[in-house]
Amino acid sequence: MQAVKDRERERARLHRALADLETLERLATLDVADLQRRLERKLADWRGLLGRHPLQARQILAKVLAGRLVFTPRLEPASGYRAYEFKGEGRLEAILSGVIDLPTTLVTPAGFEPAISTLKGSRPGPG
């Protein structure tokens, strides 16, 4: 009975991996200019929504952000203006849904492990 359950789990995993690979195949033919236009339009919609409804904006940001935003004051050398740099972690899936269909998980093909592992170190860390 355990062997049957193991095979069913493996079959489900392989089906998910196949669906993810089909999504990646669609991404290979992606029109980047069209994607950029759609992203800009979607982000403008979100900016407008957040600007018009500050109370709802706080609730939305609380769901999107993972932890706090860290604001660091700095002086712009060219203009002398004071600016703030902010850092934080968050999830954009909900905000950008409908713009692009990305896989939720990826299966690394054999032979690509070293390339993927080097990417881990190149991402900026939190705050």
C-alpha atoms as a PDB file:
ATOM      1  CA  MET A   1       0.000   0.000   0.000  1.00  0.00           C
ATOM      2  CA  GLN A   2       2.863   2.384   0.844  1.00  0.00           C
ATOM      3  CA  ALA A   3       4.468   1.756  -2.572  1.00  0.00           C
ATOM      4  CA  VAL A   4       1.201   2.720  -4.306  1.00  0.00           C
ATOM      5  CA  LYS A   5       0.984   5.945  -2.271  1.00  0.00           C
ATOM      6  CA  ASP A   6       4.628   6.742  -3.089  1.00  0.00           C
ATOM      7  CA  ARG A   7       3.989   6.223  -6.805  1.00  0.00           C
ATOM      8  CA  GLU A   8       0.889   8.432  -6.676  1.00  0.00           C
ATOM      9  CA  ARG A   9       2.880  11.214  -4.983  1.00  0.00           C
ATOM     10  CA  GLU A  10       5.665  10.861  -7.554  1.00  0.00           C
ATOM     11  CA  ARG A  11       3.118  10.924 -10.388  1.00  0.00           C
ATOM     12  CA  ALA A  12       1.526  14.115  -8.999  1.00  0.00           C
ATOM     13  CA  ARG A  13       4.986  15.702  -8.654  1.00  0.00           C
ATOM     14  CA  LEU A  14       5.840  14.813 -12.244  1.00  0.00           C
ATOM     15  CA  HIS A  15       2.540  16.264 -13.486  1.00  0.00           C
ATOM     16  CA  ARG A  16       3.315  19.544 -11.680  1.00  0.00           C
ATOM     17  CA  ALA A  17       6.839  19.557 -13.117  1.00  0.00           C
ATOM     18  CA  LEU A  18       5.478  18.950 -16.615  1.00  0.00           C
ATOM     19  CA  ALA A  19       2.997  21.818 -16.234  1.00  0.00           C
ATOM     20  CA  ASP A  20       5.836  24.083 -15.074  1.00  0.00           C
ATOM     21  CA  LEU A  21       7.962  23.099 -18.057  1.00  0.00           C
ATOM     22  CA  GLU A  22       5.068  23.893 -20.407  1.00  0.00           C
ATOM     23  CA  THR A  23       4.818  27.323 -18.784  1.00  0.00           C
ATOM     24  CA  LEU A  24       8.549  27.847 -19.282  1.00  0.00           C
ATOM     25  CA  GLU A  25       8.170  26.868 -22.934  1.00  0.00           C
ATOM     26  CA  ARG A  26       5.539  29.608 -23.312  1.00  0.00           C
ATOM     27  CA  LEU A  27       7.938  32.071 -21.678  1.00  0.00           C
ATOM     28  CA  ALA A  28      10.538  31.349 -24.367  1.00  0.00           C
ATOM     29  CA  THR A  29       8.255  32.974 -26.951  1.00  0.00           C
ATOM     30  CA  LEU A  30       7.265  35.876 -24.721  1.00  0.00           C
ATOM     31  CA  ASP A  31       6.950  39.335 -26.310  1.00  0.00           C
ATOM     32  CA  VAL A  32       9.101  41.359 -23.903  1.00  0.00           C
ATOM     33  CA  ALA A  33       7.883  44.763 -25.148  1.00  0.00           C
ATOM     34  CA  ASP A  34       4.251  43.699 -24.680  1.00  0.00           C
ATOM     35  CA  LEU A  35       5.047  42.334 -21.219  1.00  0.00           C
ATOM     36  CA  GLN A  36       6.697  45.619 -20.236  1.00  0.00           C
ATOM     37  CA  ARG A  37       3.630  47.605 -21.396  1.00  0.00           C
ATOM     38  CA  ARG A  38       1.283  45.327 -19.456  1.00  0.00           C
ATOM     39  CA  LEU A  39       3.454  45.519 -16.318  1.00  0.00           C
ATOM     40  CA  GLU A  40       3.637  49.311 -16.497  1.00  0.00           C
ATOM     41  CA  ARG A  41      -0.142  49.517 -16.943  1.00  0.00           C
ATOM     42  CA  LYS A  42      -0.781  47.150 -14.029  1.00  0.00           C
ATOM     43  CA  LEU A  43       1.642  48.999 -11.733  1.00  0.00           C
ATOM     44  CA  ALA A  44       0.049  52.355 -12.667  1.00  0.00           C
ATOM     45  CA  ASP A  45      -3.337  50.874 -11.724  1.00  0.00           C
ATOM     46  CA  TRP A  46      -1.947  49.739  -8.371  1.00  0.00           C
ATOM     47  CA  ARG A  47      -0.272  53.120  -7.723  1.00  0.00           C
ATOM     48  CA  GLY A  48      -3.570  54.876  -8.409  1.00  0.00           C
ATOM     49  CA  LEU A  49      -5.526  52.500  -6.187  1.00  0.00           C
ATOM     50  CA  LEU A  50      -3.042  52.797  -3.321  1.00  0.00           C
ATOM     51  CA  GLY A  51      -2.926  56.585  -3.639  1.00  0.00           C
ATOM     52  CA  ARG A  52      -6.718  57.003  -3.610  1.00  0.00           C
ATOM     53  CA  HIS A  53      -7.393  54.623  -0.725  1.00  0.00           C
ATOM     54  CA  PRO A  54      -4.684  54.929   1.971  1.00  0.00           C
ATOM     55  CA  LEU A  55      -6.451  52.750   4.554  1.00  0.00           C
ATOM     56  CA  GLN A  56      -6.865  49.878   2.097  1.00  0.00           C
ATOM     57  CA  ALA A  57      -3.315  50.512   0.858  1.00  0.00           C
ATOM     58  CA  ARG A  58      -1.953  49.813   4.336  1.00  0.00           C
ATOM     59  CA  GLN A  59      -3.870  46.532   4.505  1.00  0.00           C
ATOM     60  CA  ILE A  60      -2.662  45.515   1.043  1.00  0.00           C
ATOM     61  CA  LEU A  61       0.951  46.385   1.858  1.00  0.00           C
ATOM     62  CA  ALA A  62       0.739  44.425   5.114  1.00  0.00           C
ATOM     63  CA  LYS A  63      -0.233  41.344   3.082  1.00  0.00           C
ATOM     64  CA  VAL A  64       2.377  41.914   0.372  1.00  0.00           C
ATOM     65  CA  LEU A  65       5.342  42.789   2.584  1.00  0.00           C
ATOM     66  CA  ALA A  66       7.299  40.181   4.508  1.00  0.00           C
ATOM     67  CA  GLY A  67       8.420  42.156   7.536  1.00  0.00           C
ATOM     68  CA  ARG A  68       9.244  45.835   7.727  1.00  0.00           C
ATOM     69  CA  LEU A  69      10.447  48.389   5.241  1.00  0.00           C
ATOM     70  CA  VAL A  70      13.739  49.981   6.260  1.00  0.00           C
ATOM     71  CA  PHE A  71      14.107  53.640   5.213  1.00  0.00           C
ATOM     72  CA  THR A  72      17.612  55.111   5.037  1.00  0.00           C
ATOM     73  CA  PRO A  73      18.061  58.855   4.508  1.00  0.00           C
ATOM     74  CA  ARG A  74      20.683  59.984   2.021  1.00  0.00           C
ATOM     75  CA  LEU A  75      21.726  63.171   0.292  1.00  0.00           C
ATOM     76  CA  GLU A  76      21.647  63.308  -3.515  1.00  0.00           C
ATOM     77  CA  PRO A  77      25.158  64.516  -4.454  1.00  0.00           C
ATOM     78  CA  ALA A  78      24.222  66.162  -7.753  1.00  0.00           C
ATOM     79  CA  SER A  79      21.228  68.154  -6.526  1.00  0.00           C
ATOM     80  CA  GLY A  80      21.762  68.371  -2.779  1.00  0.00           C
ATOM     81  CA  TYR A  81      18.231  67.066  -2.203  1.00  0.00           C
ATOM     82  CA  ARG A  82      17.485  64.741   0.653  1.00  0.00           C
ATOM     83  CA  ALA A  83      16.129  61.363  -0.421  1.00  0.00           C
ATOM     84  CA  TYR A  84      15.263  58.067   1.204  1.00  0.00           C
ATOM     85  CA  GLU A  85      16.280  54.619   0.109  1.00  0.00           C
ATOM     86  CA  PHE A  86      13.997  51.848   1.255  1.00  0.00           C
ATOM     87  CA  LYS A  87      14.542  48.130   1.395  1.00  0.00           C
ATOM     88  CA  GLY A  88      12.264  45.266   2.212  1.00  0.00           C
ATOM     89  CA  GLU A  89      11.044  41.897   1.088  1.00  0.00           C
ATOM     90  CA  GLY A  90       7.682  41.109  -0.345  1.00  0.00           C
ATOM     91  CA  ARG A  91       5.625  38.975  -2.684  1.00  0.00           C
ATOM     92  CA  LEU A  92       4.333  40.440  -5.930  1.00  0.00           C
ATOM     93  CA  GLU A  93       2.309  37.474  -7.176  1.00  0.00           C
ATOM     94  CA  ALA A  94      -1.032  38.958  -6.148  1.00  0.00           C
ATOM     95  CA  ILE A  95      -0.253  42.400  -7.526  1.00  0.00           C
ATOM     96  CA  LEU A  96       1.057  41.139 -10.860  1.00  0.00           C
ATOM     97  CA  SER A  97      -1.377  38.272 -11.365  1.00  0.00           C
ATOM     98  CA  GLY A  98      -2.766  38.123 -14.861  1.00  0.00           C
ATOM     99  CA  VAL A  99       0.256  39.850 -16.409  1.00  0.00           C
ATOM    100  CA  ILE A 100       2.378  36.720 -16.707  1.00  0.00           C
ATOM    101  CA  ASP A 101       1.771  33.114 -15.725  1.00  0.00           C
ATOM    102  CA  LEU A 102       4.883  31.895 -13.935  1.00  0.00           C
ATOM    103  CA  PRO A 103       5.348  28.428 -12.470  1.00  0.00           C
ATOM    104  CA  THR A 104       5.079  28.225  -8.714  1.00  0.00           C
ATOM    105  CA  THR A 105       7.879  25.651  -8.522  1.00  0.00           C
ATOM    106  CA  LEU A 106      10.686  24.700 -10.818  1.00  0.00           C
ATOM    107  CA  VAL A 107      12.441  21.418 -11.272  1.00  0.00           C
ATOM    108  CA  THR A 108      16.107  21.905 -12.048  1.00  0.00           C
ATOM    109  CA  PRO A 109      17.158  19.743 -14.992  1.00  0.00           C
ATOM    110  CA  ALA A 110      20.180  17.544 -14.362  1.00  0.00           C
ATOM    111  CA  GLY A 111      23.396  19.361 -15.207  1.00  0.00           C
ATOM    112  CA  PHE A 112      22.203  22.851 -14.257  1.00  0.00           C
ATOM    113  CA  GLU A 113      22.782  22.686 -10.503  1.00  0.00           C
ATOM    114  CA  PRO A 114      26.053  24.704 -10.455  1.00  0.00           C
ATOM    115  CA  ALA A 115      24.538  27.586 -12.444  1.00  0.00           C
ATOM    116  CA  ILE A 116      21.509  27.757 -10.184  1.00  0.00           C
ATOM    117  CA  SER A 117      23.598  27.607  -7.008  1.00  0.00           C
ATOM    118  CA  THR A 118      25.675  30.599  -8.130  1.00  0.00           C
ATOM    119  CA  LEU A 119      22.504  32.655  -8.519  1.00  0.00           C
ATOM    120  CA  LYS A 120      21.658  32.226  -4.866  1.00  0.00           C
ATOM    121  CA  GLY A 121      24.658  34.296  -3.821  1.00  0.00           C
ATOM    122  CA  SER A 122      23.939  37.081  -6.285  1.00  0.00           C
ATOM    123  CA  ARG A 123      20.566  38.052  -4.841  1.00  0.00           C
ATOM    124  CA  PRO A 124      20.531  41.023  -2.468  1.00  0.00           C
ATOM    125  CA  GLY A 125      19.861  40.147   1.123  1.00  0.00           C
ATOM    126  CA  PRO A 126      17.092  41.551   3.291  1.00  0.00           C
ATOM    127  CA  GLY A 127      17.091  45.078   4.692  1.00  0.00           C
END
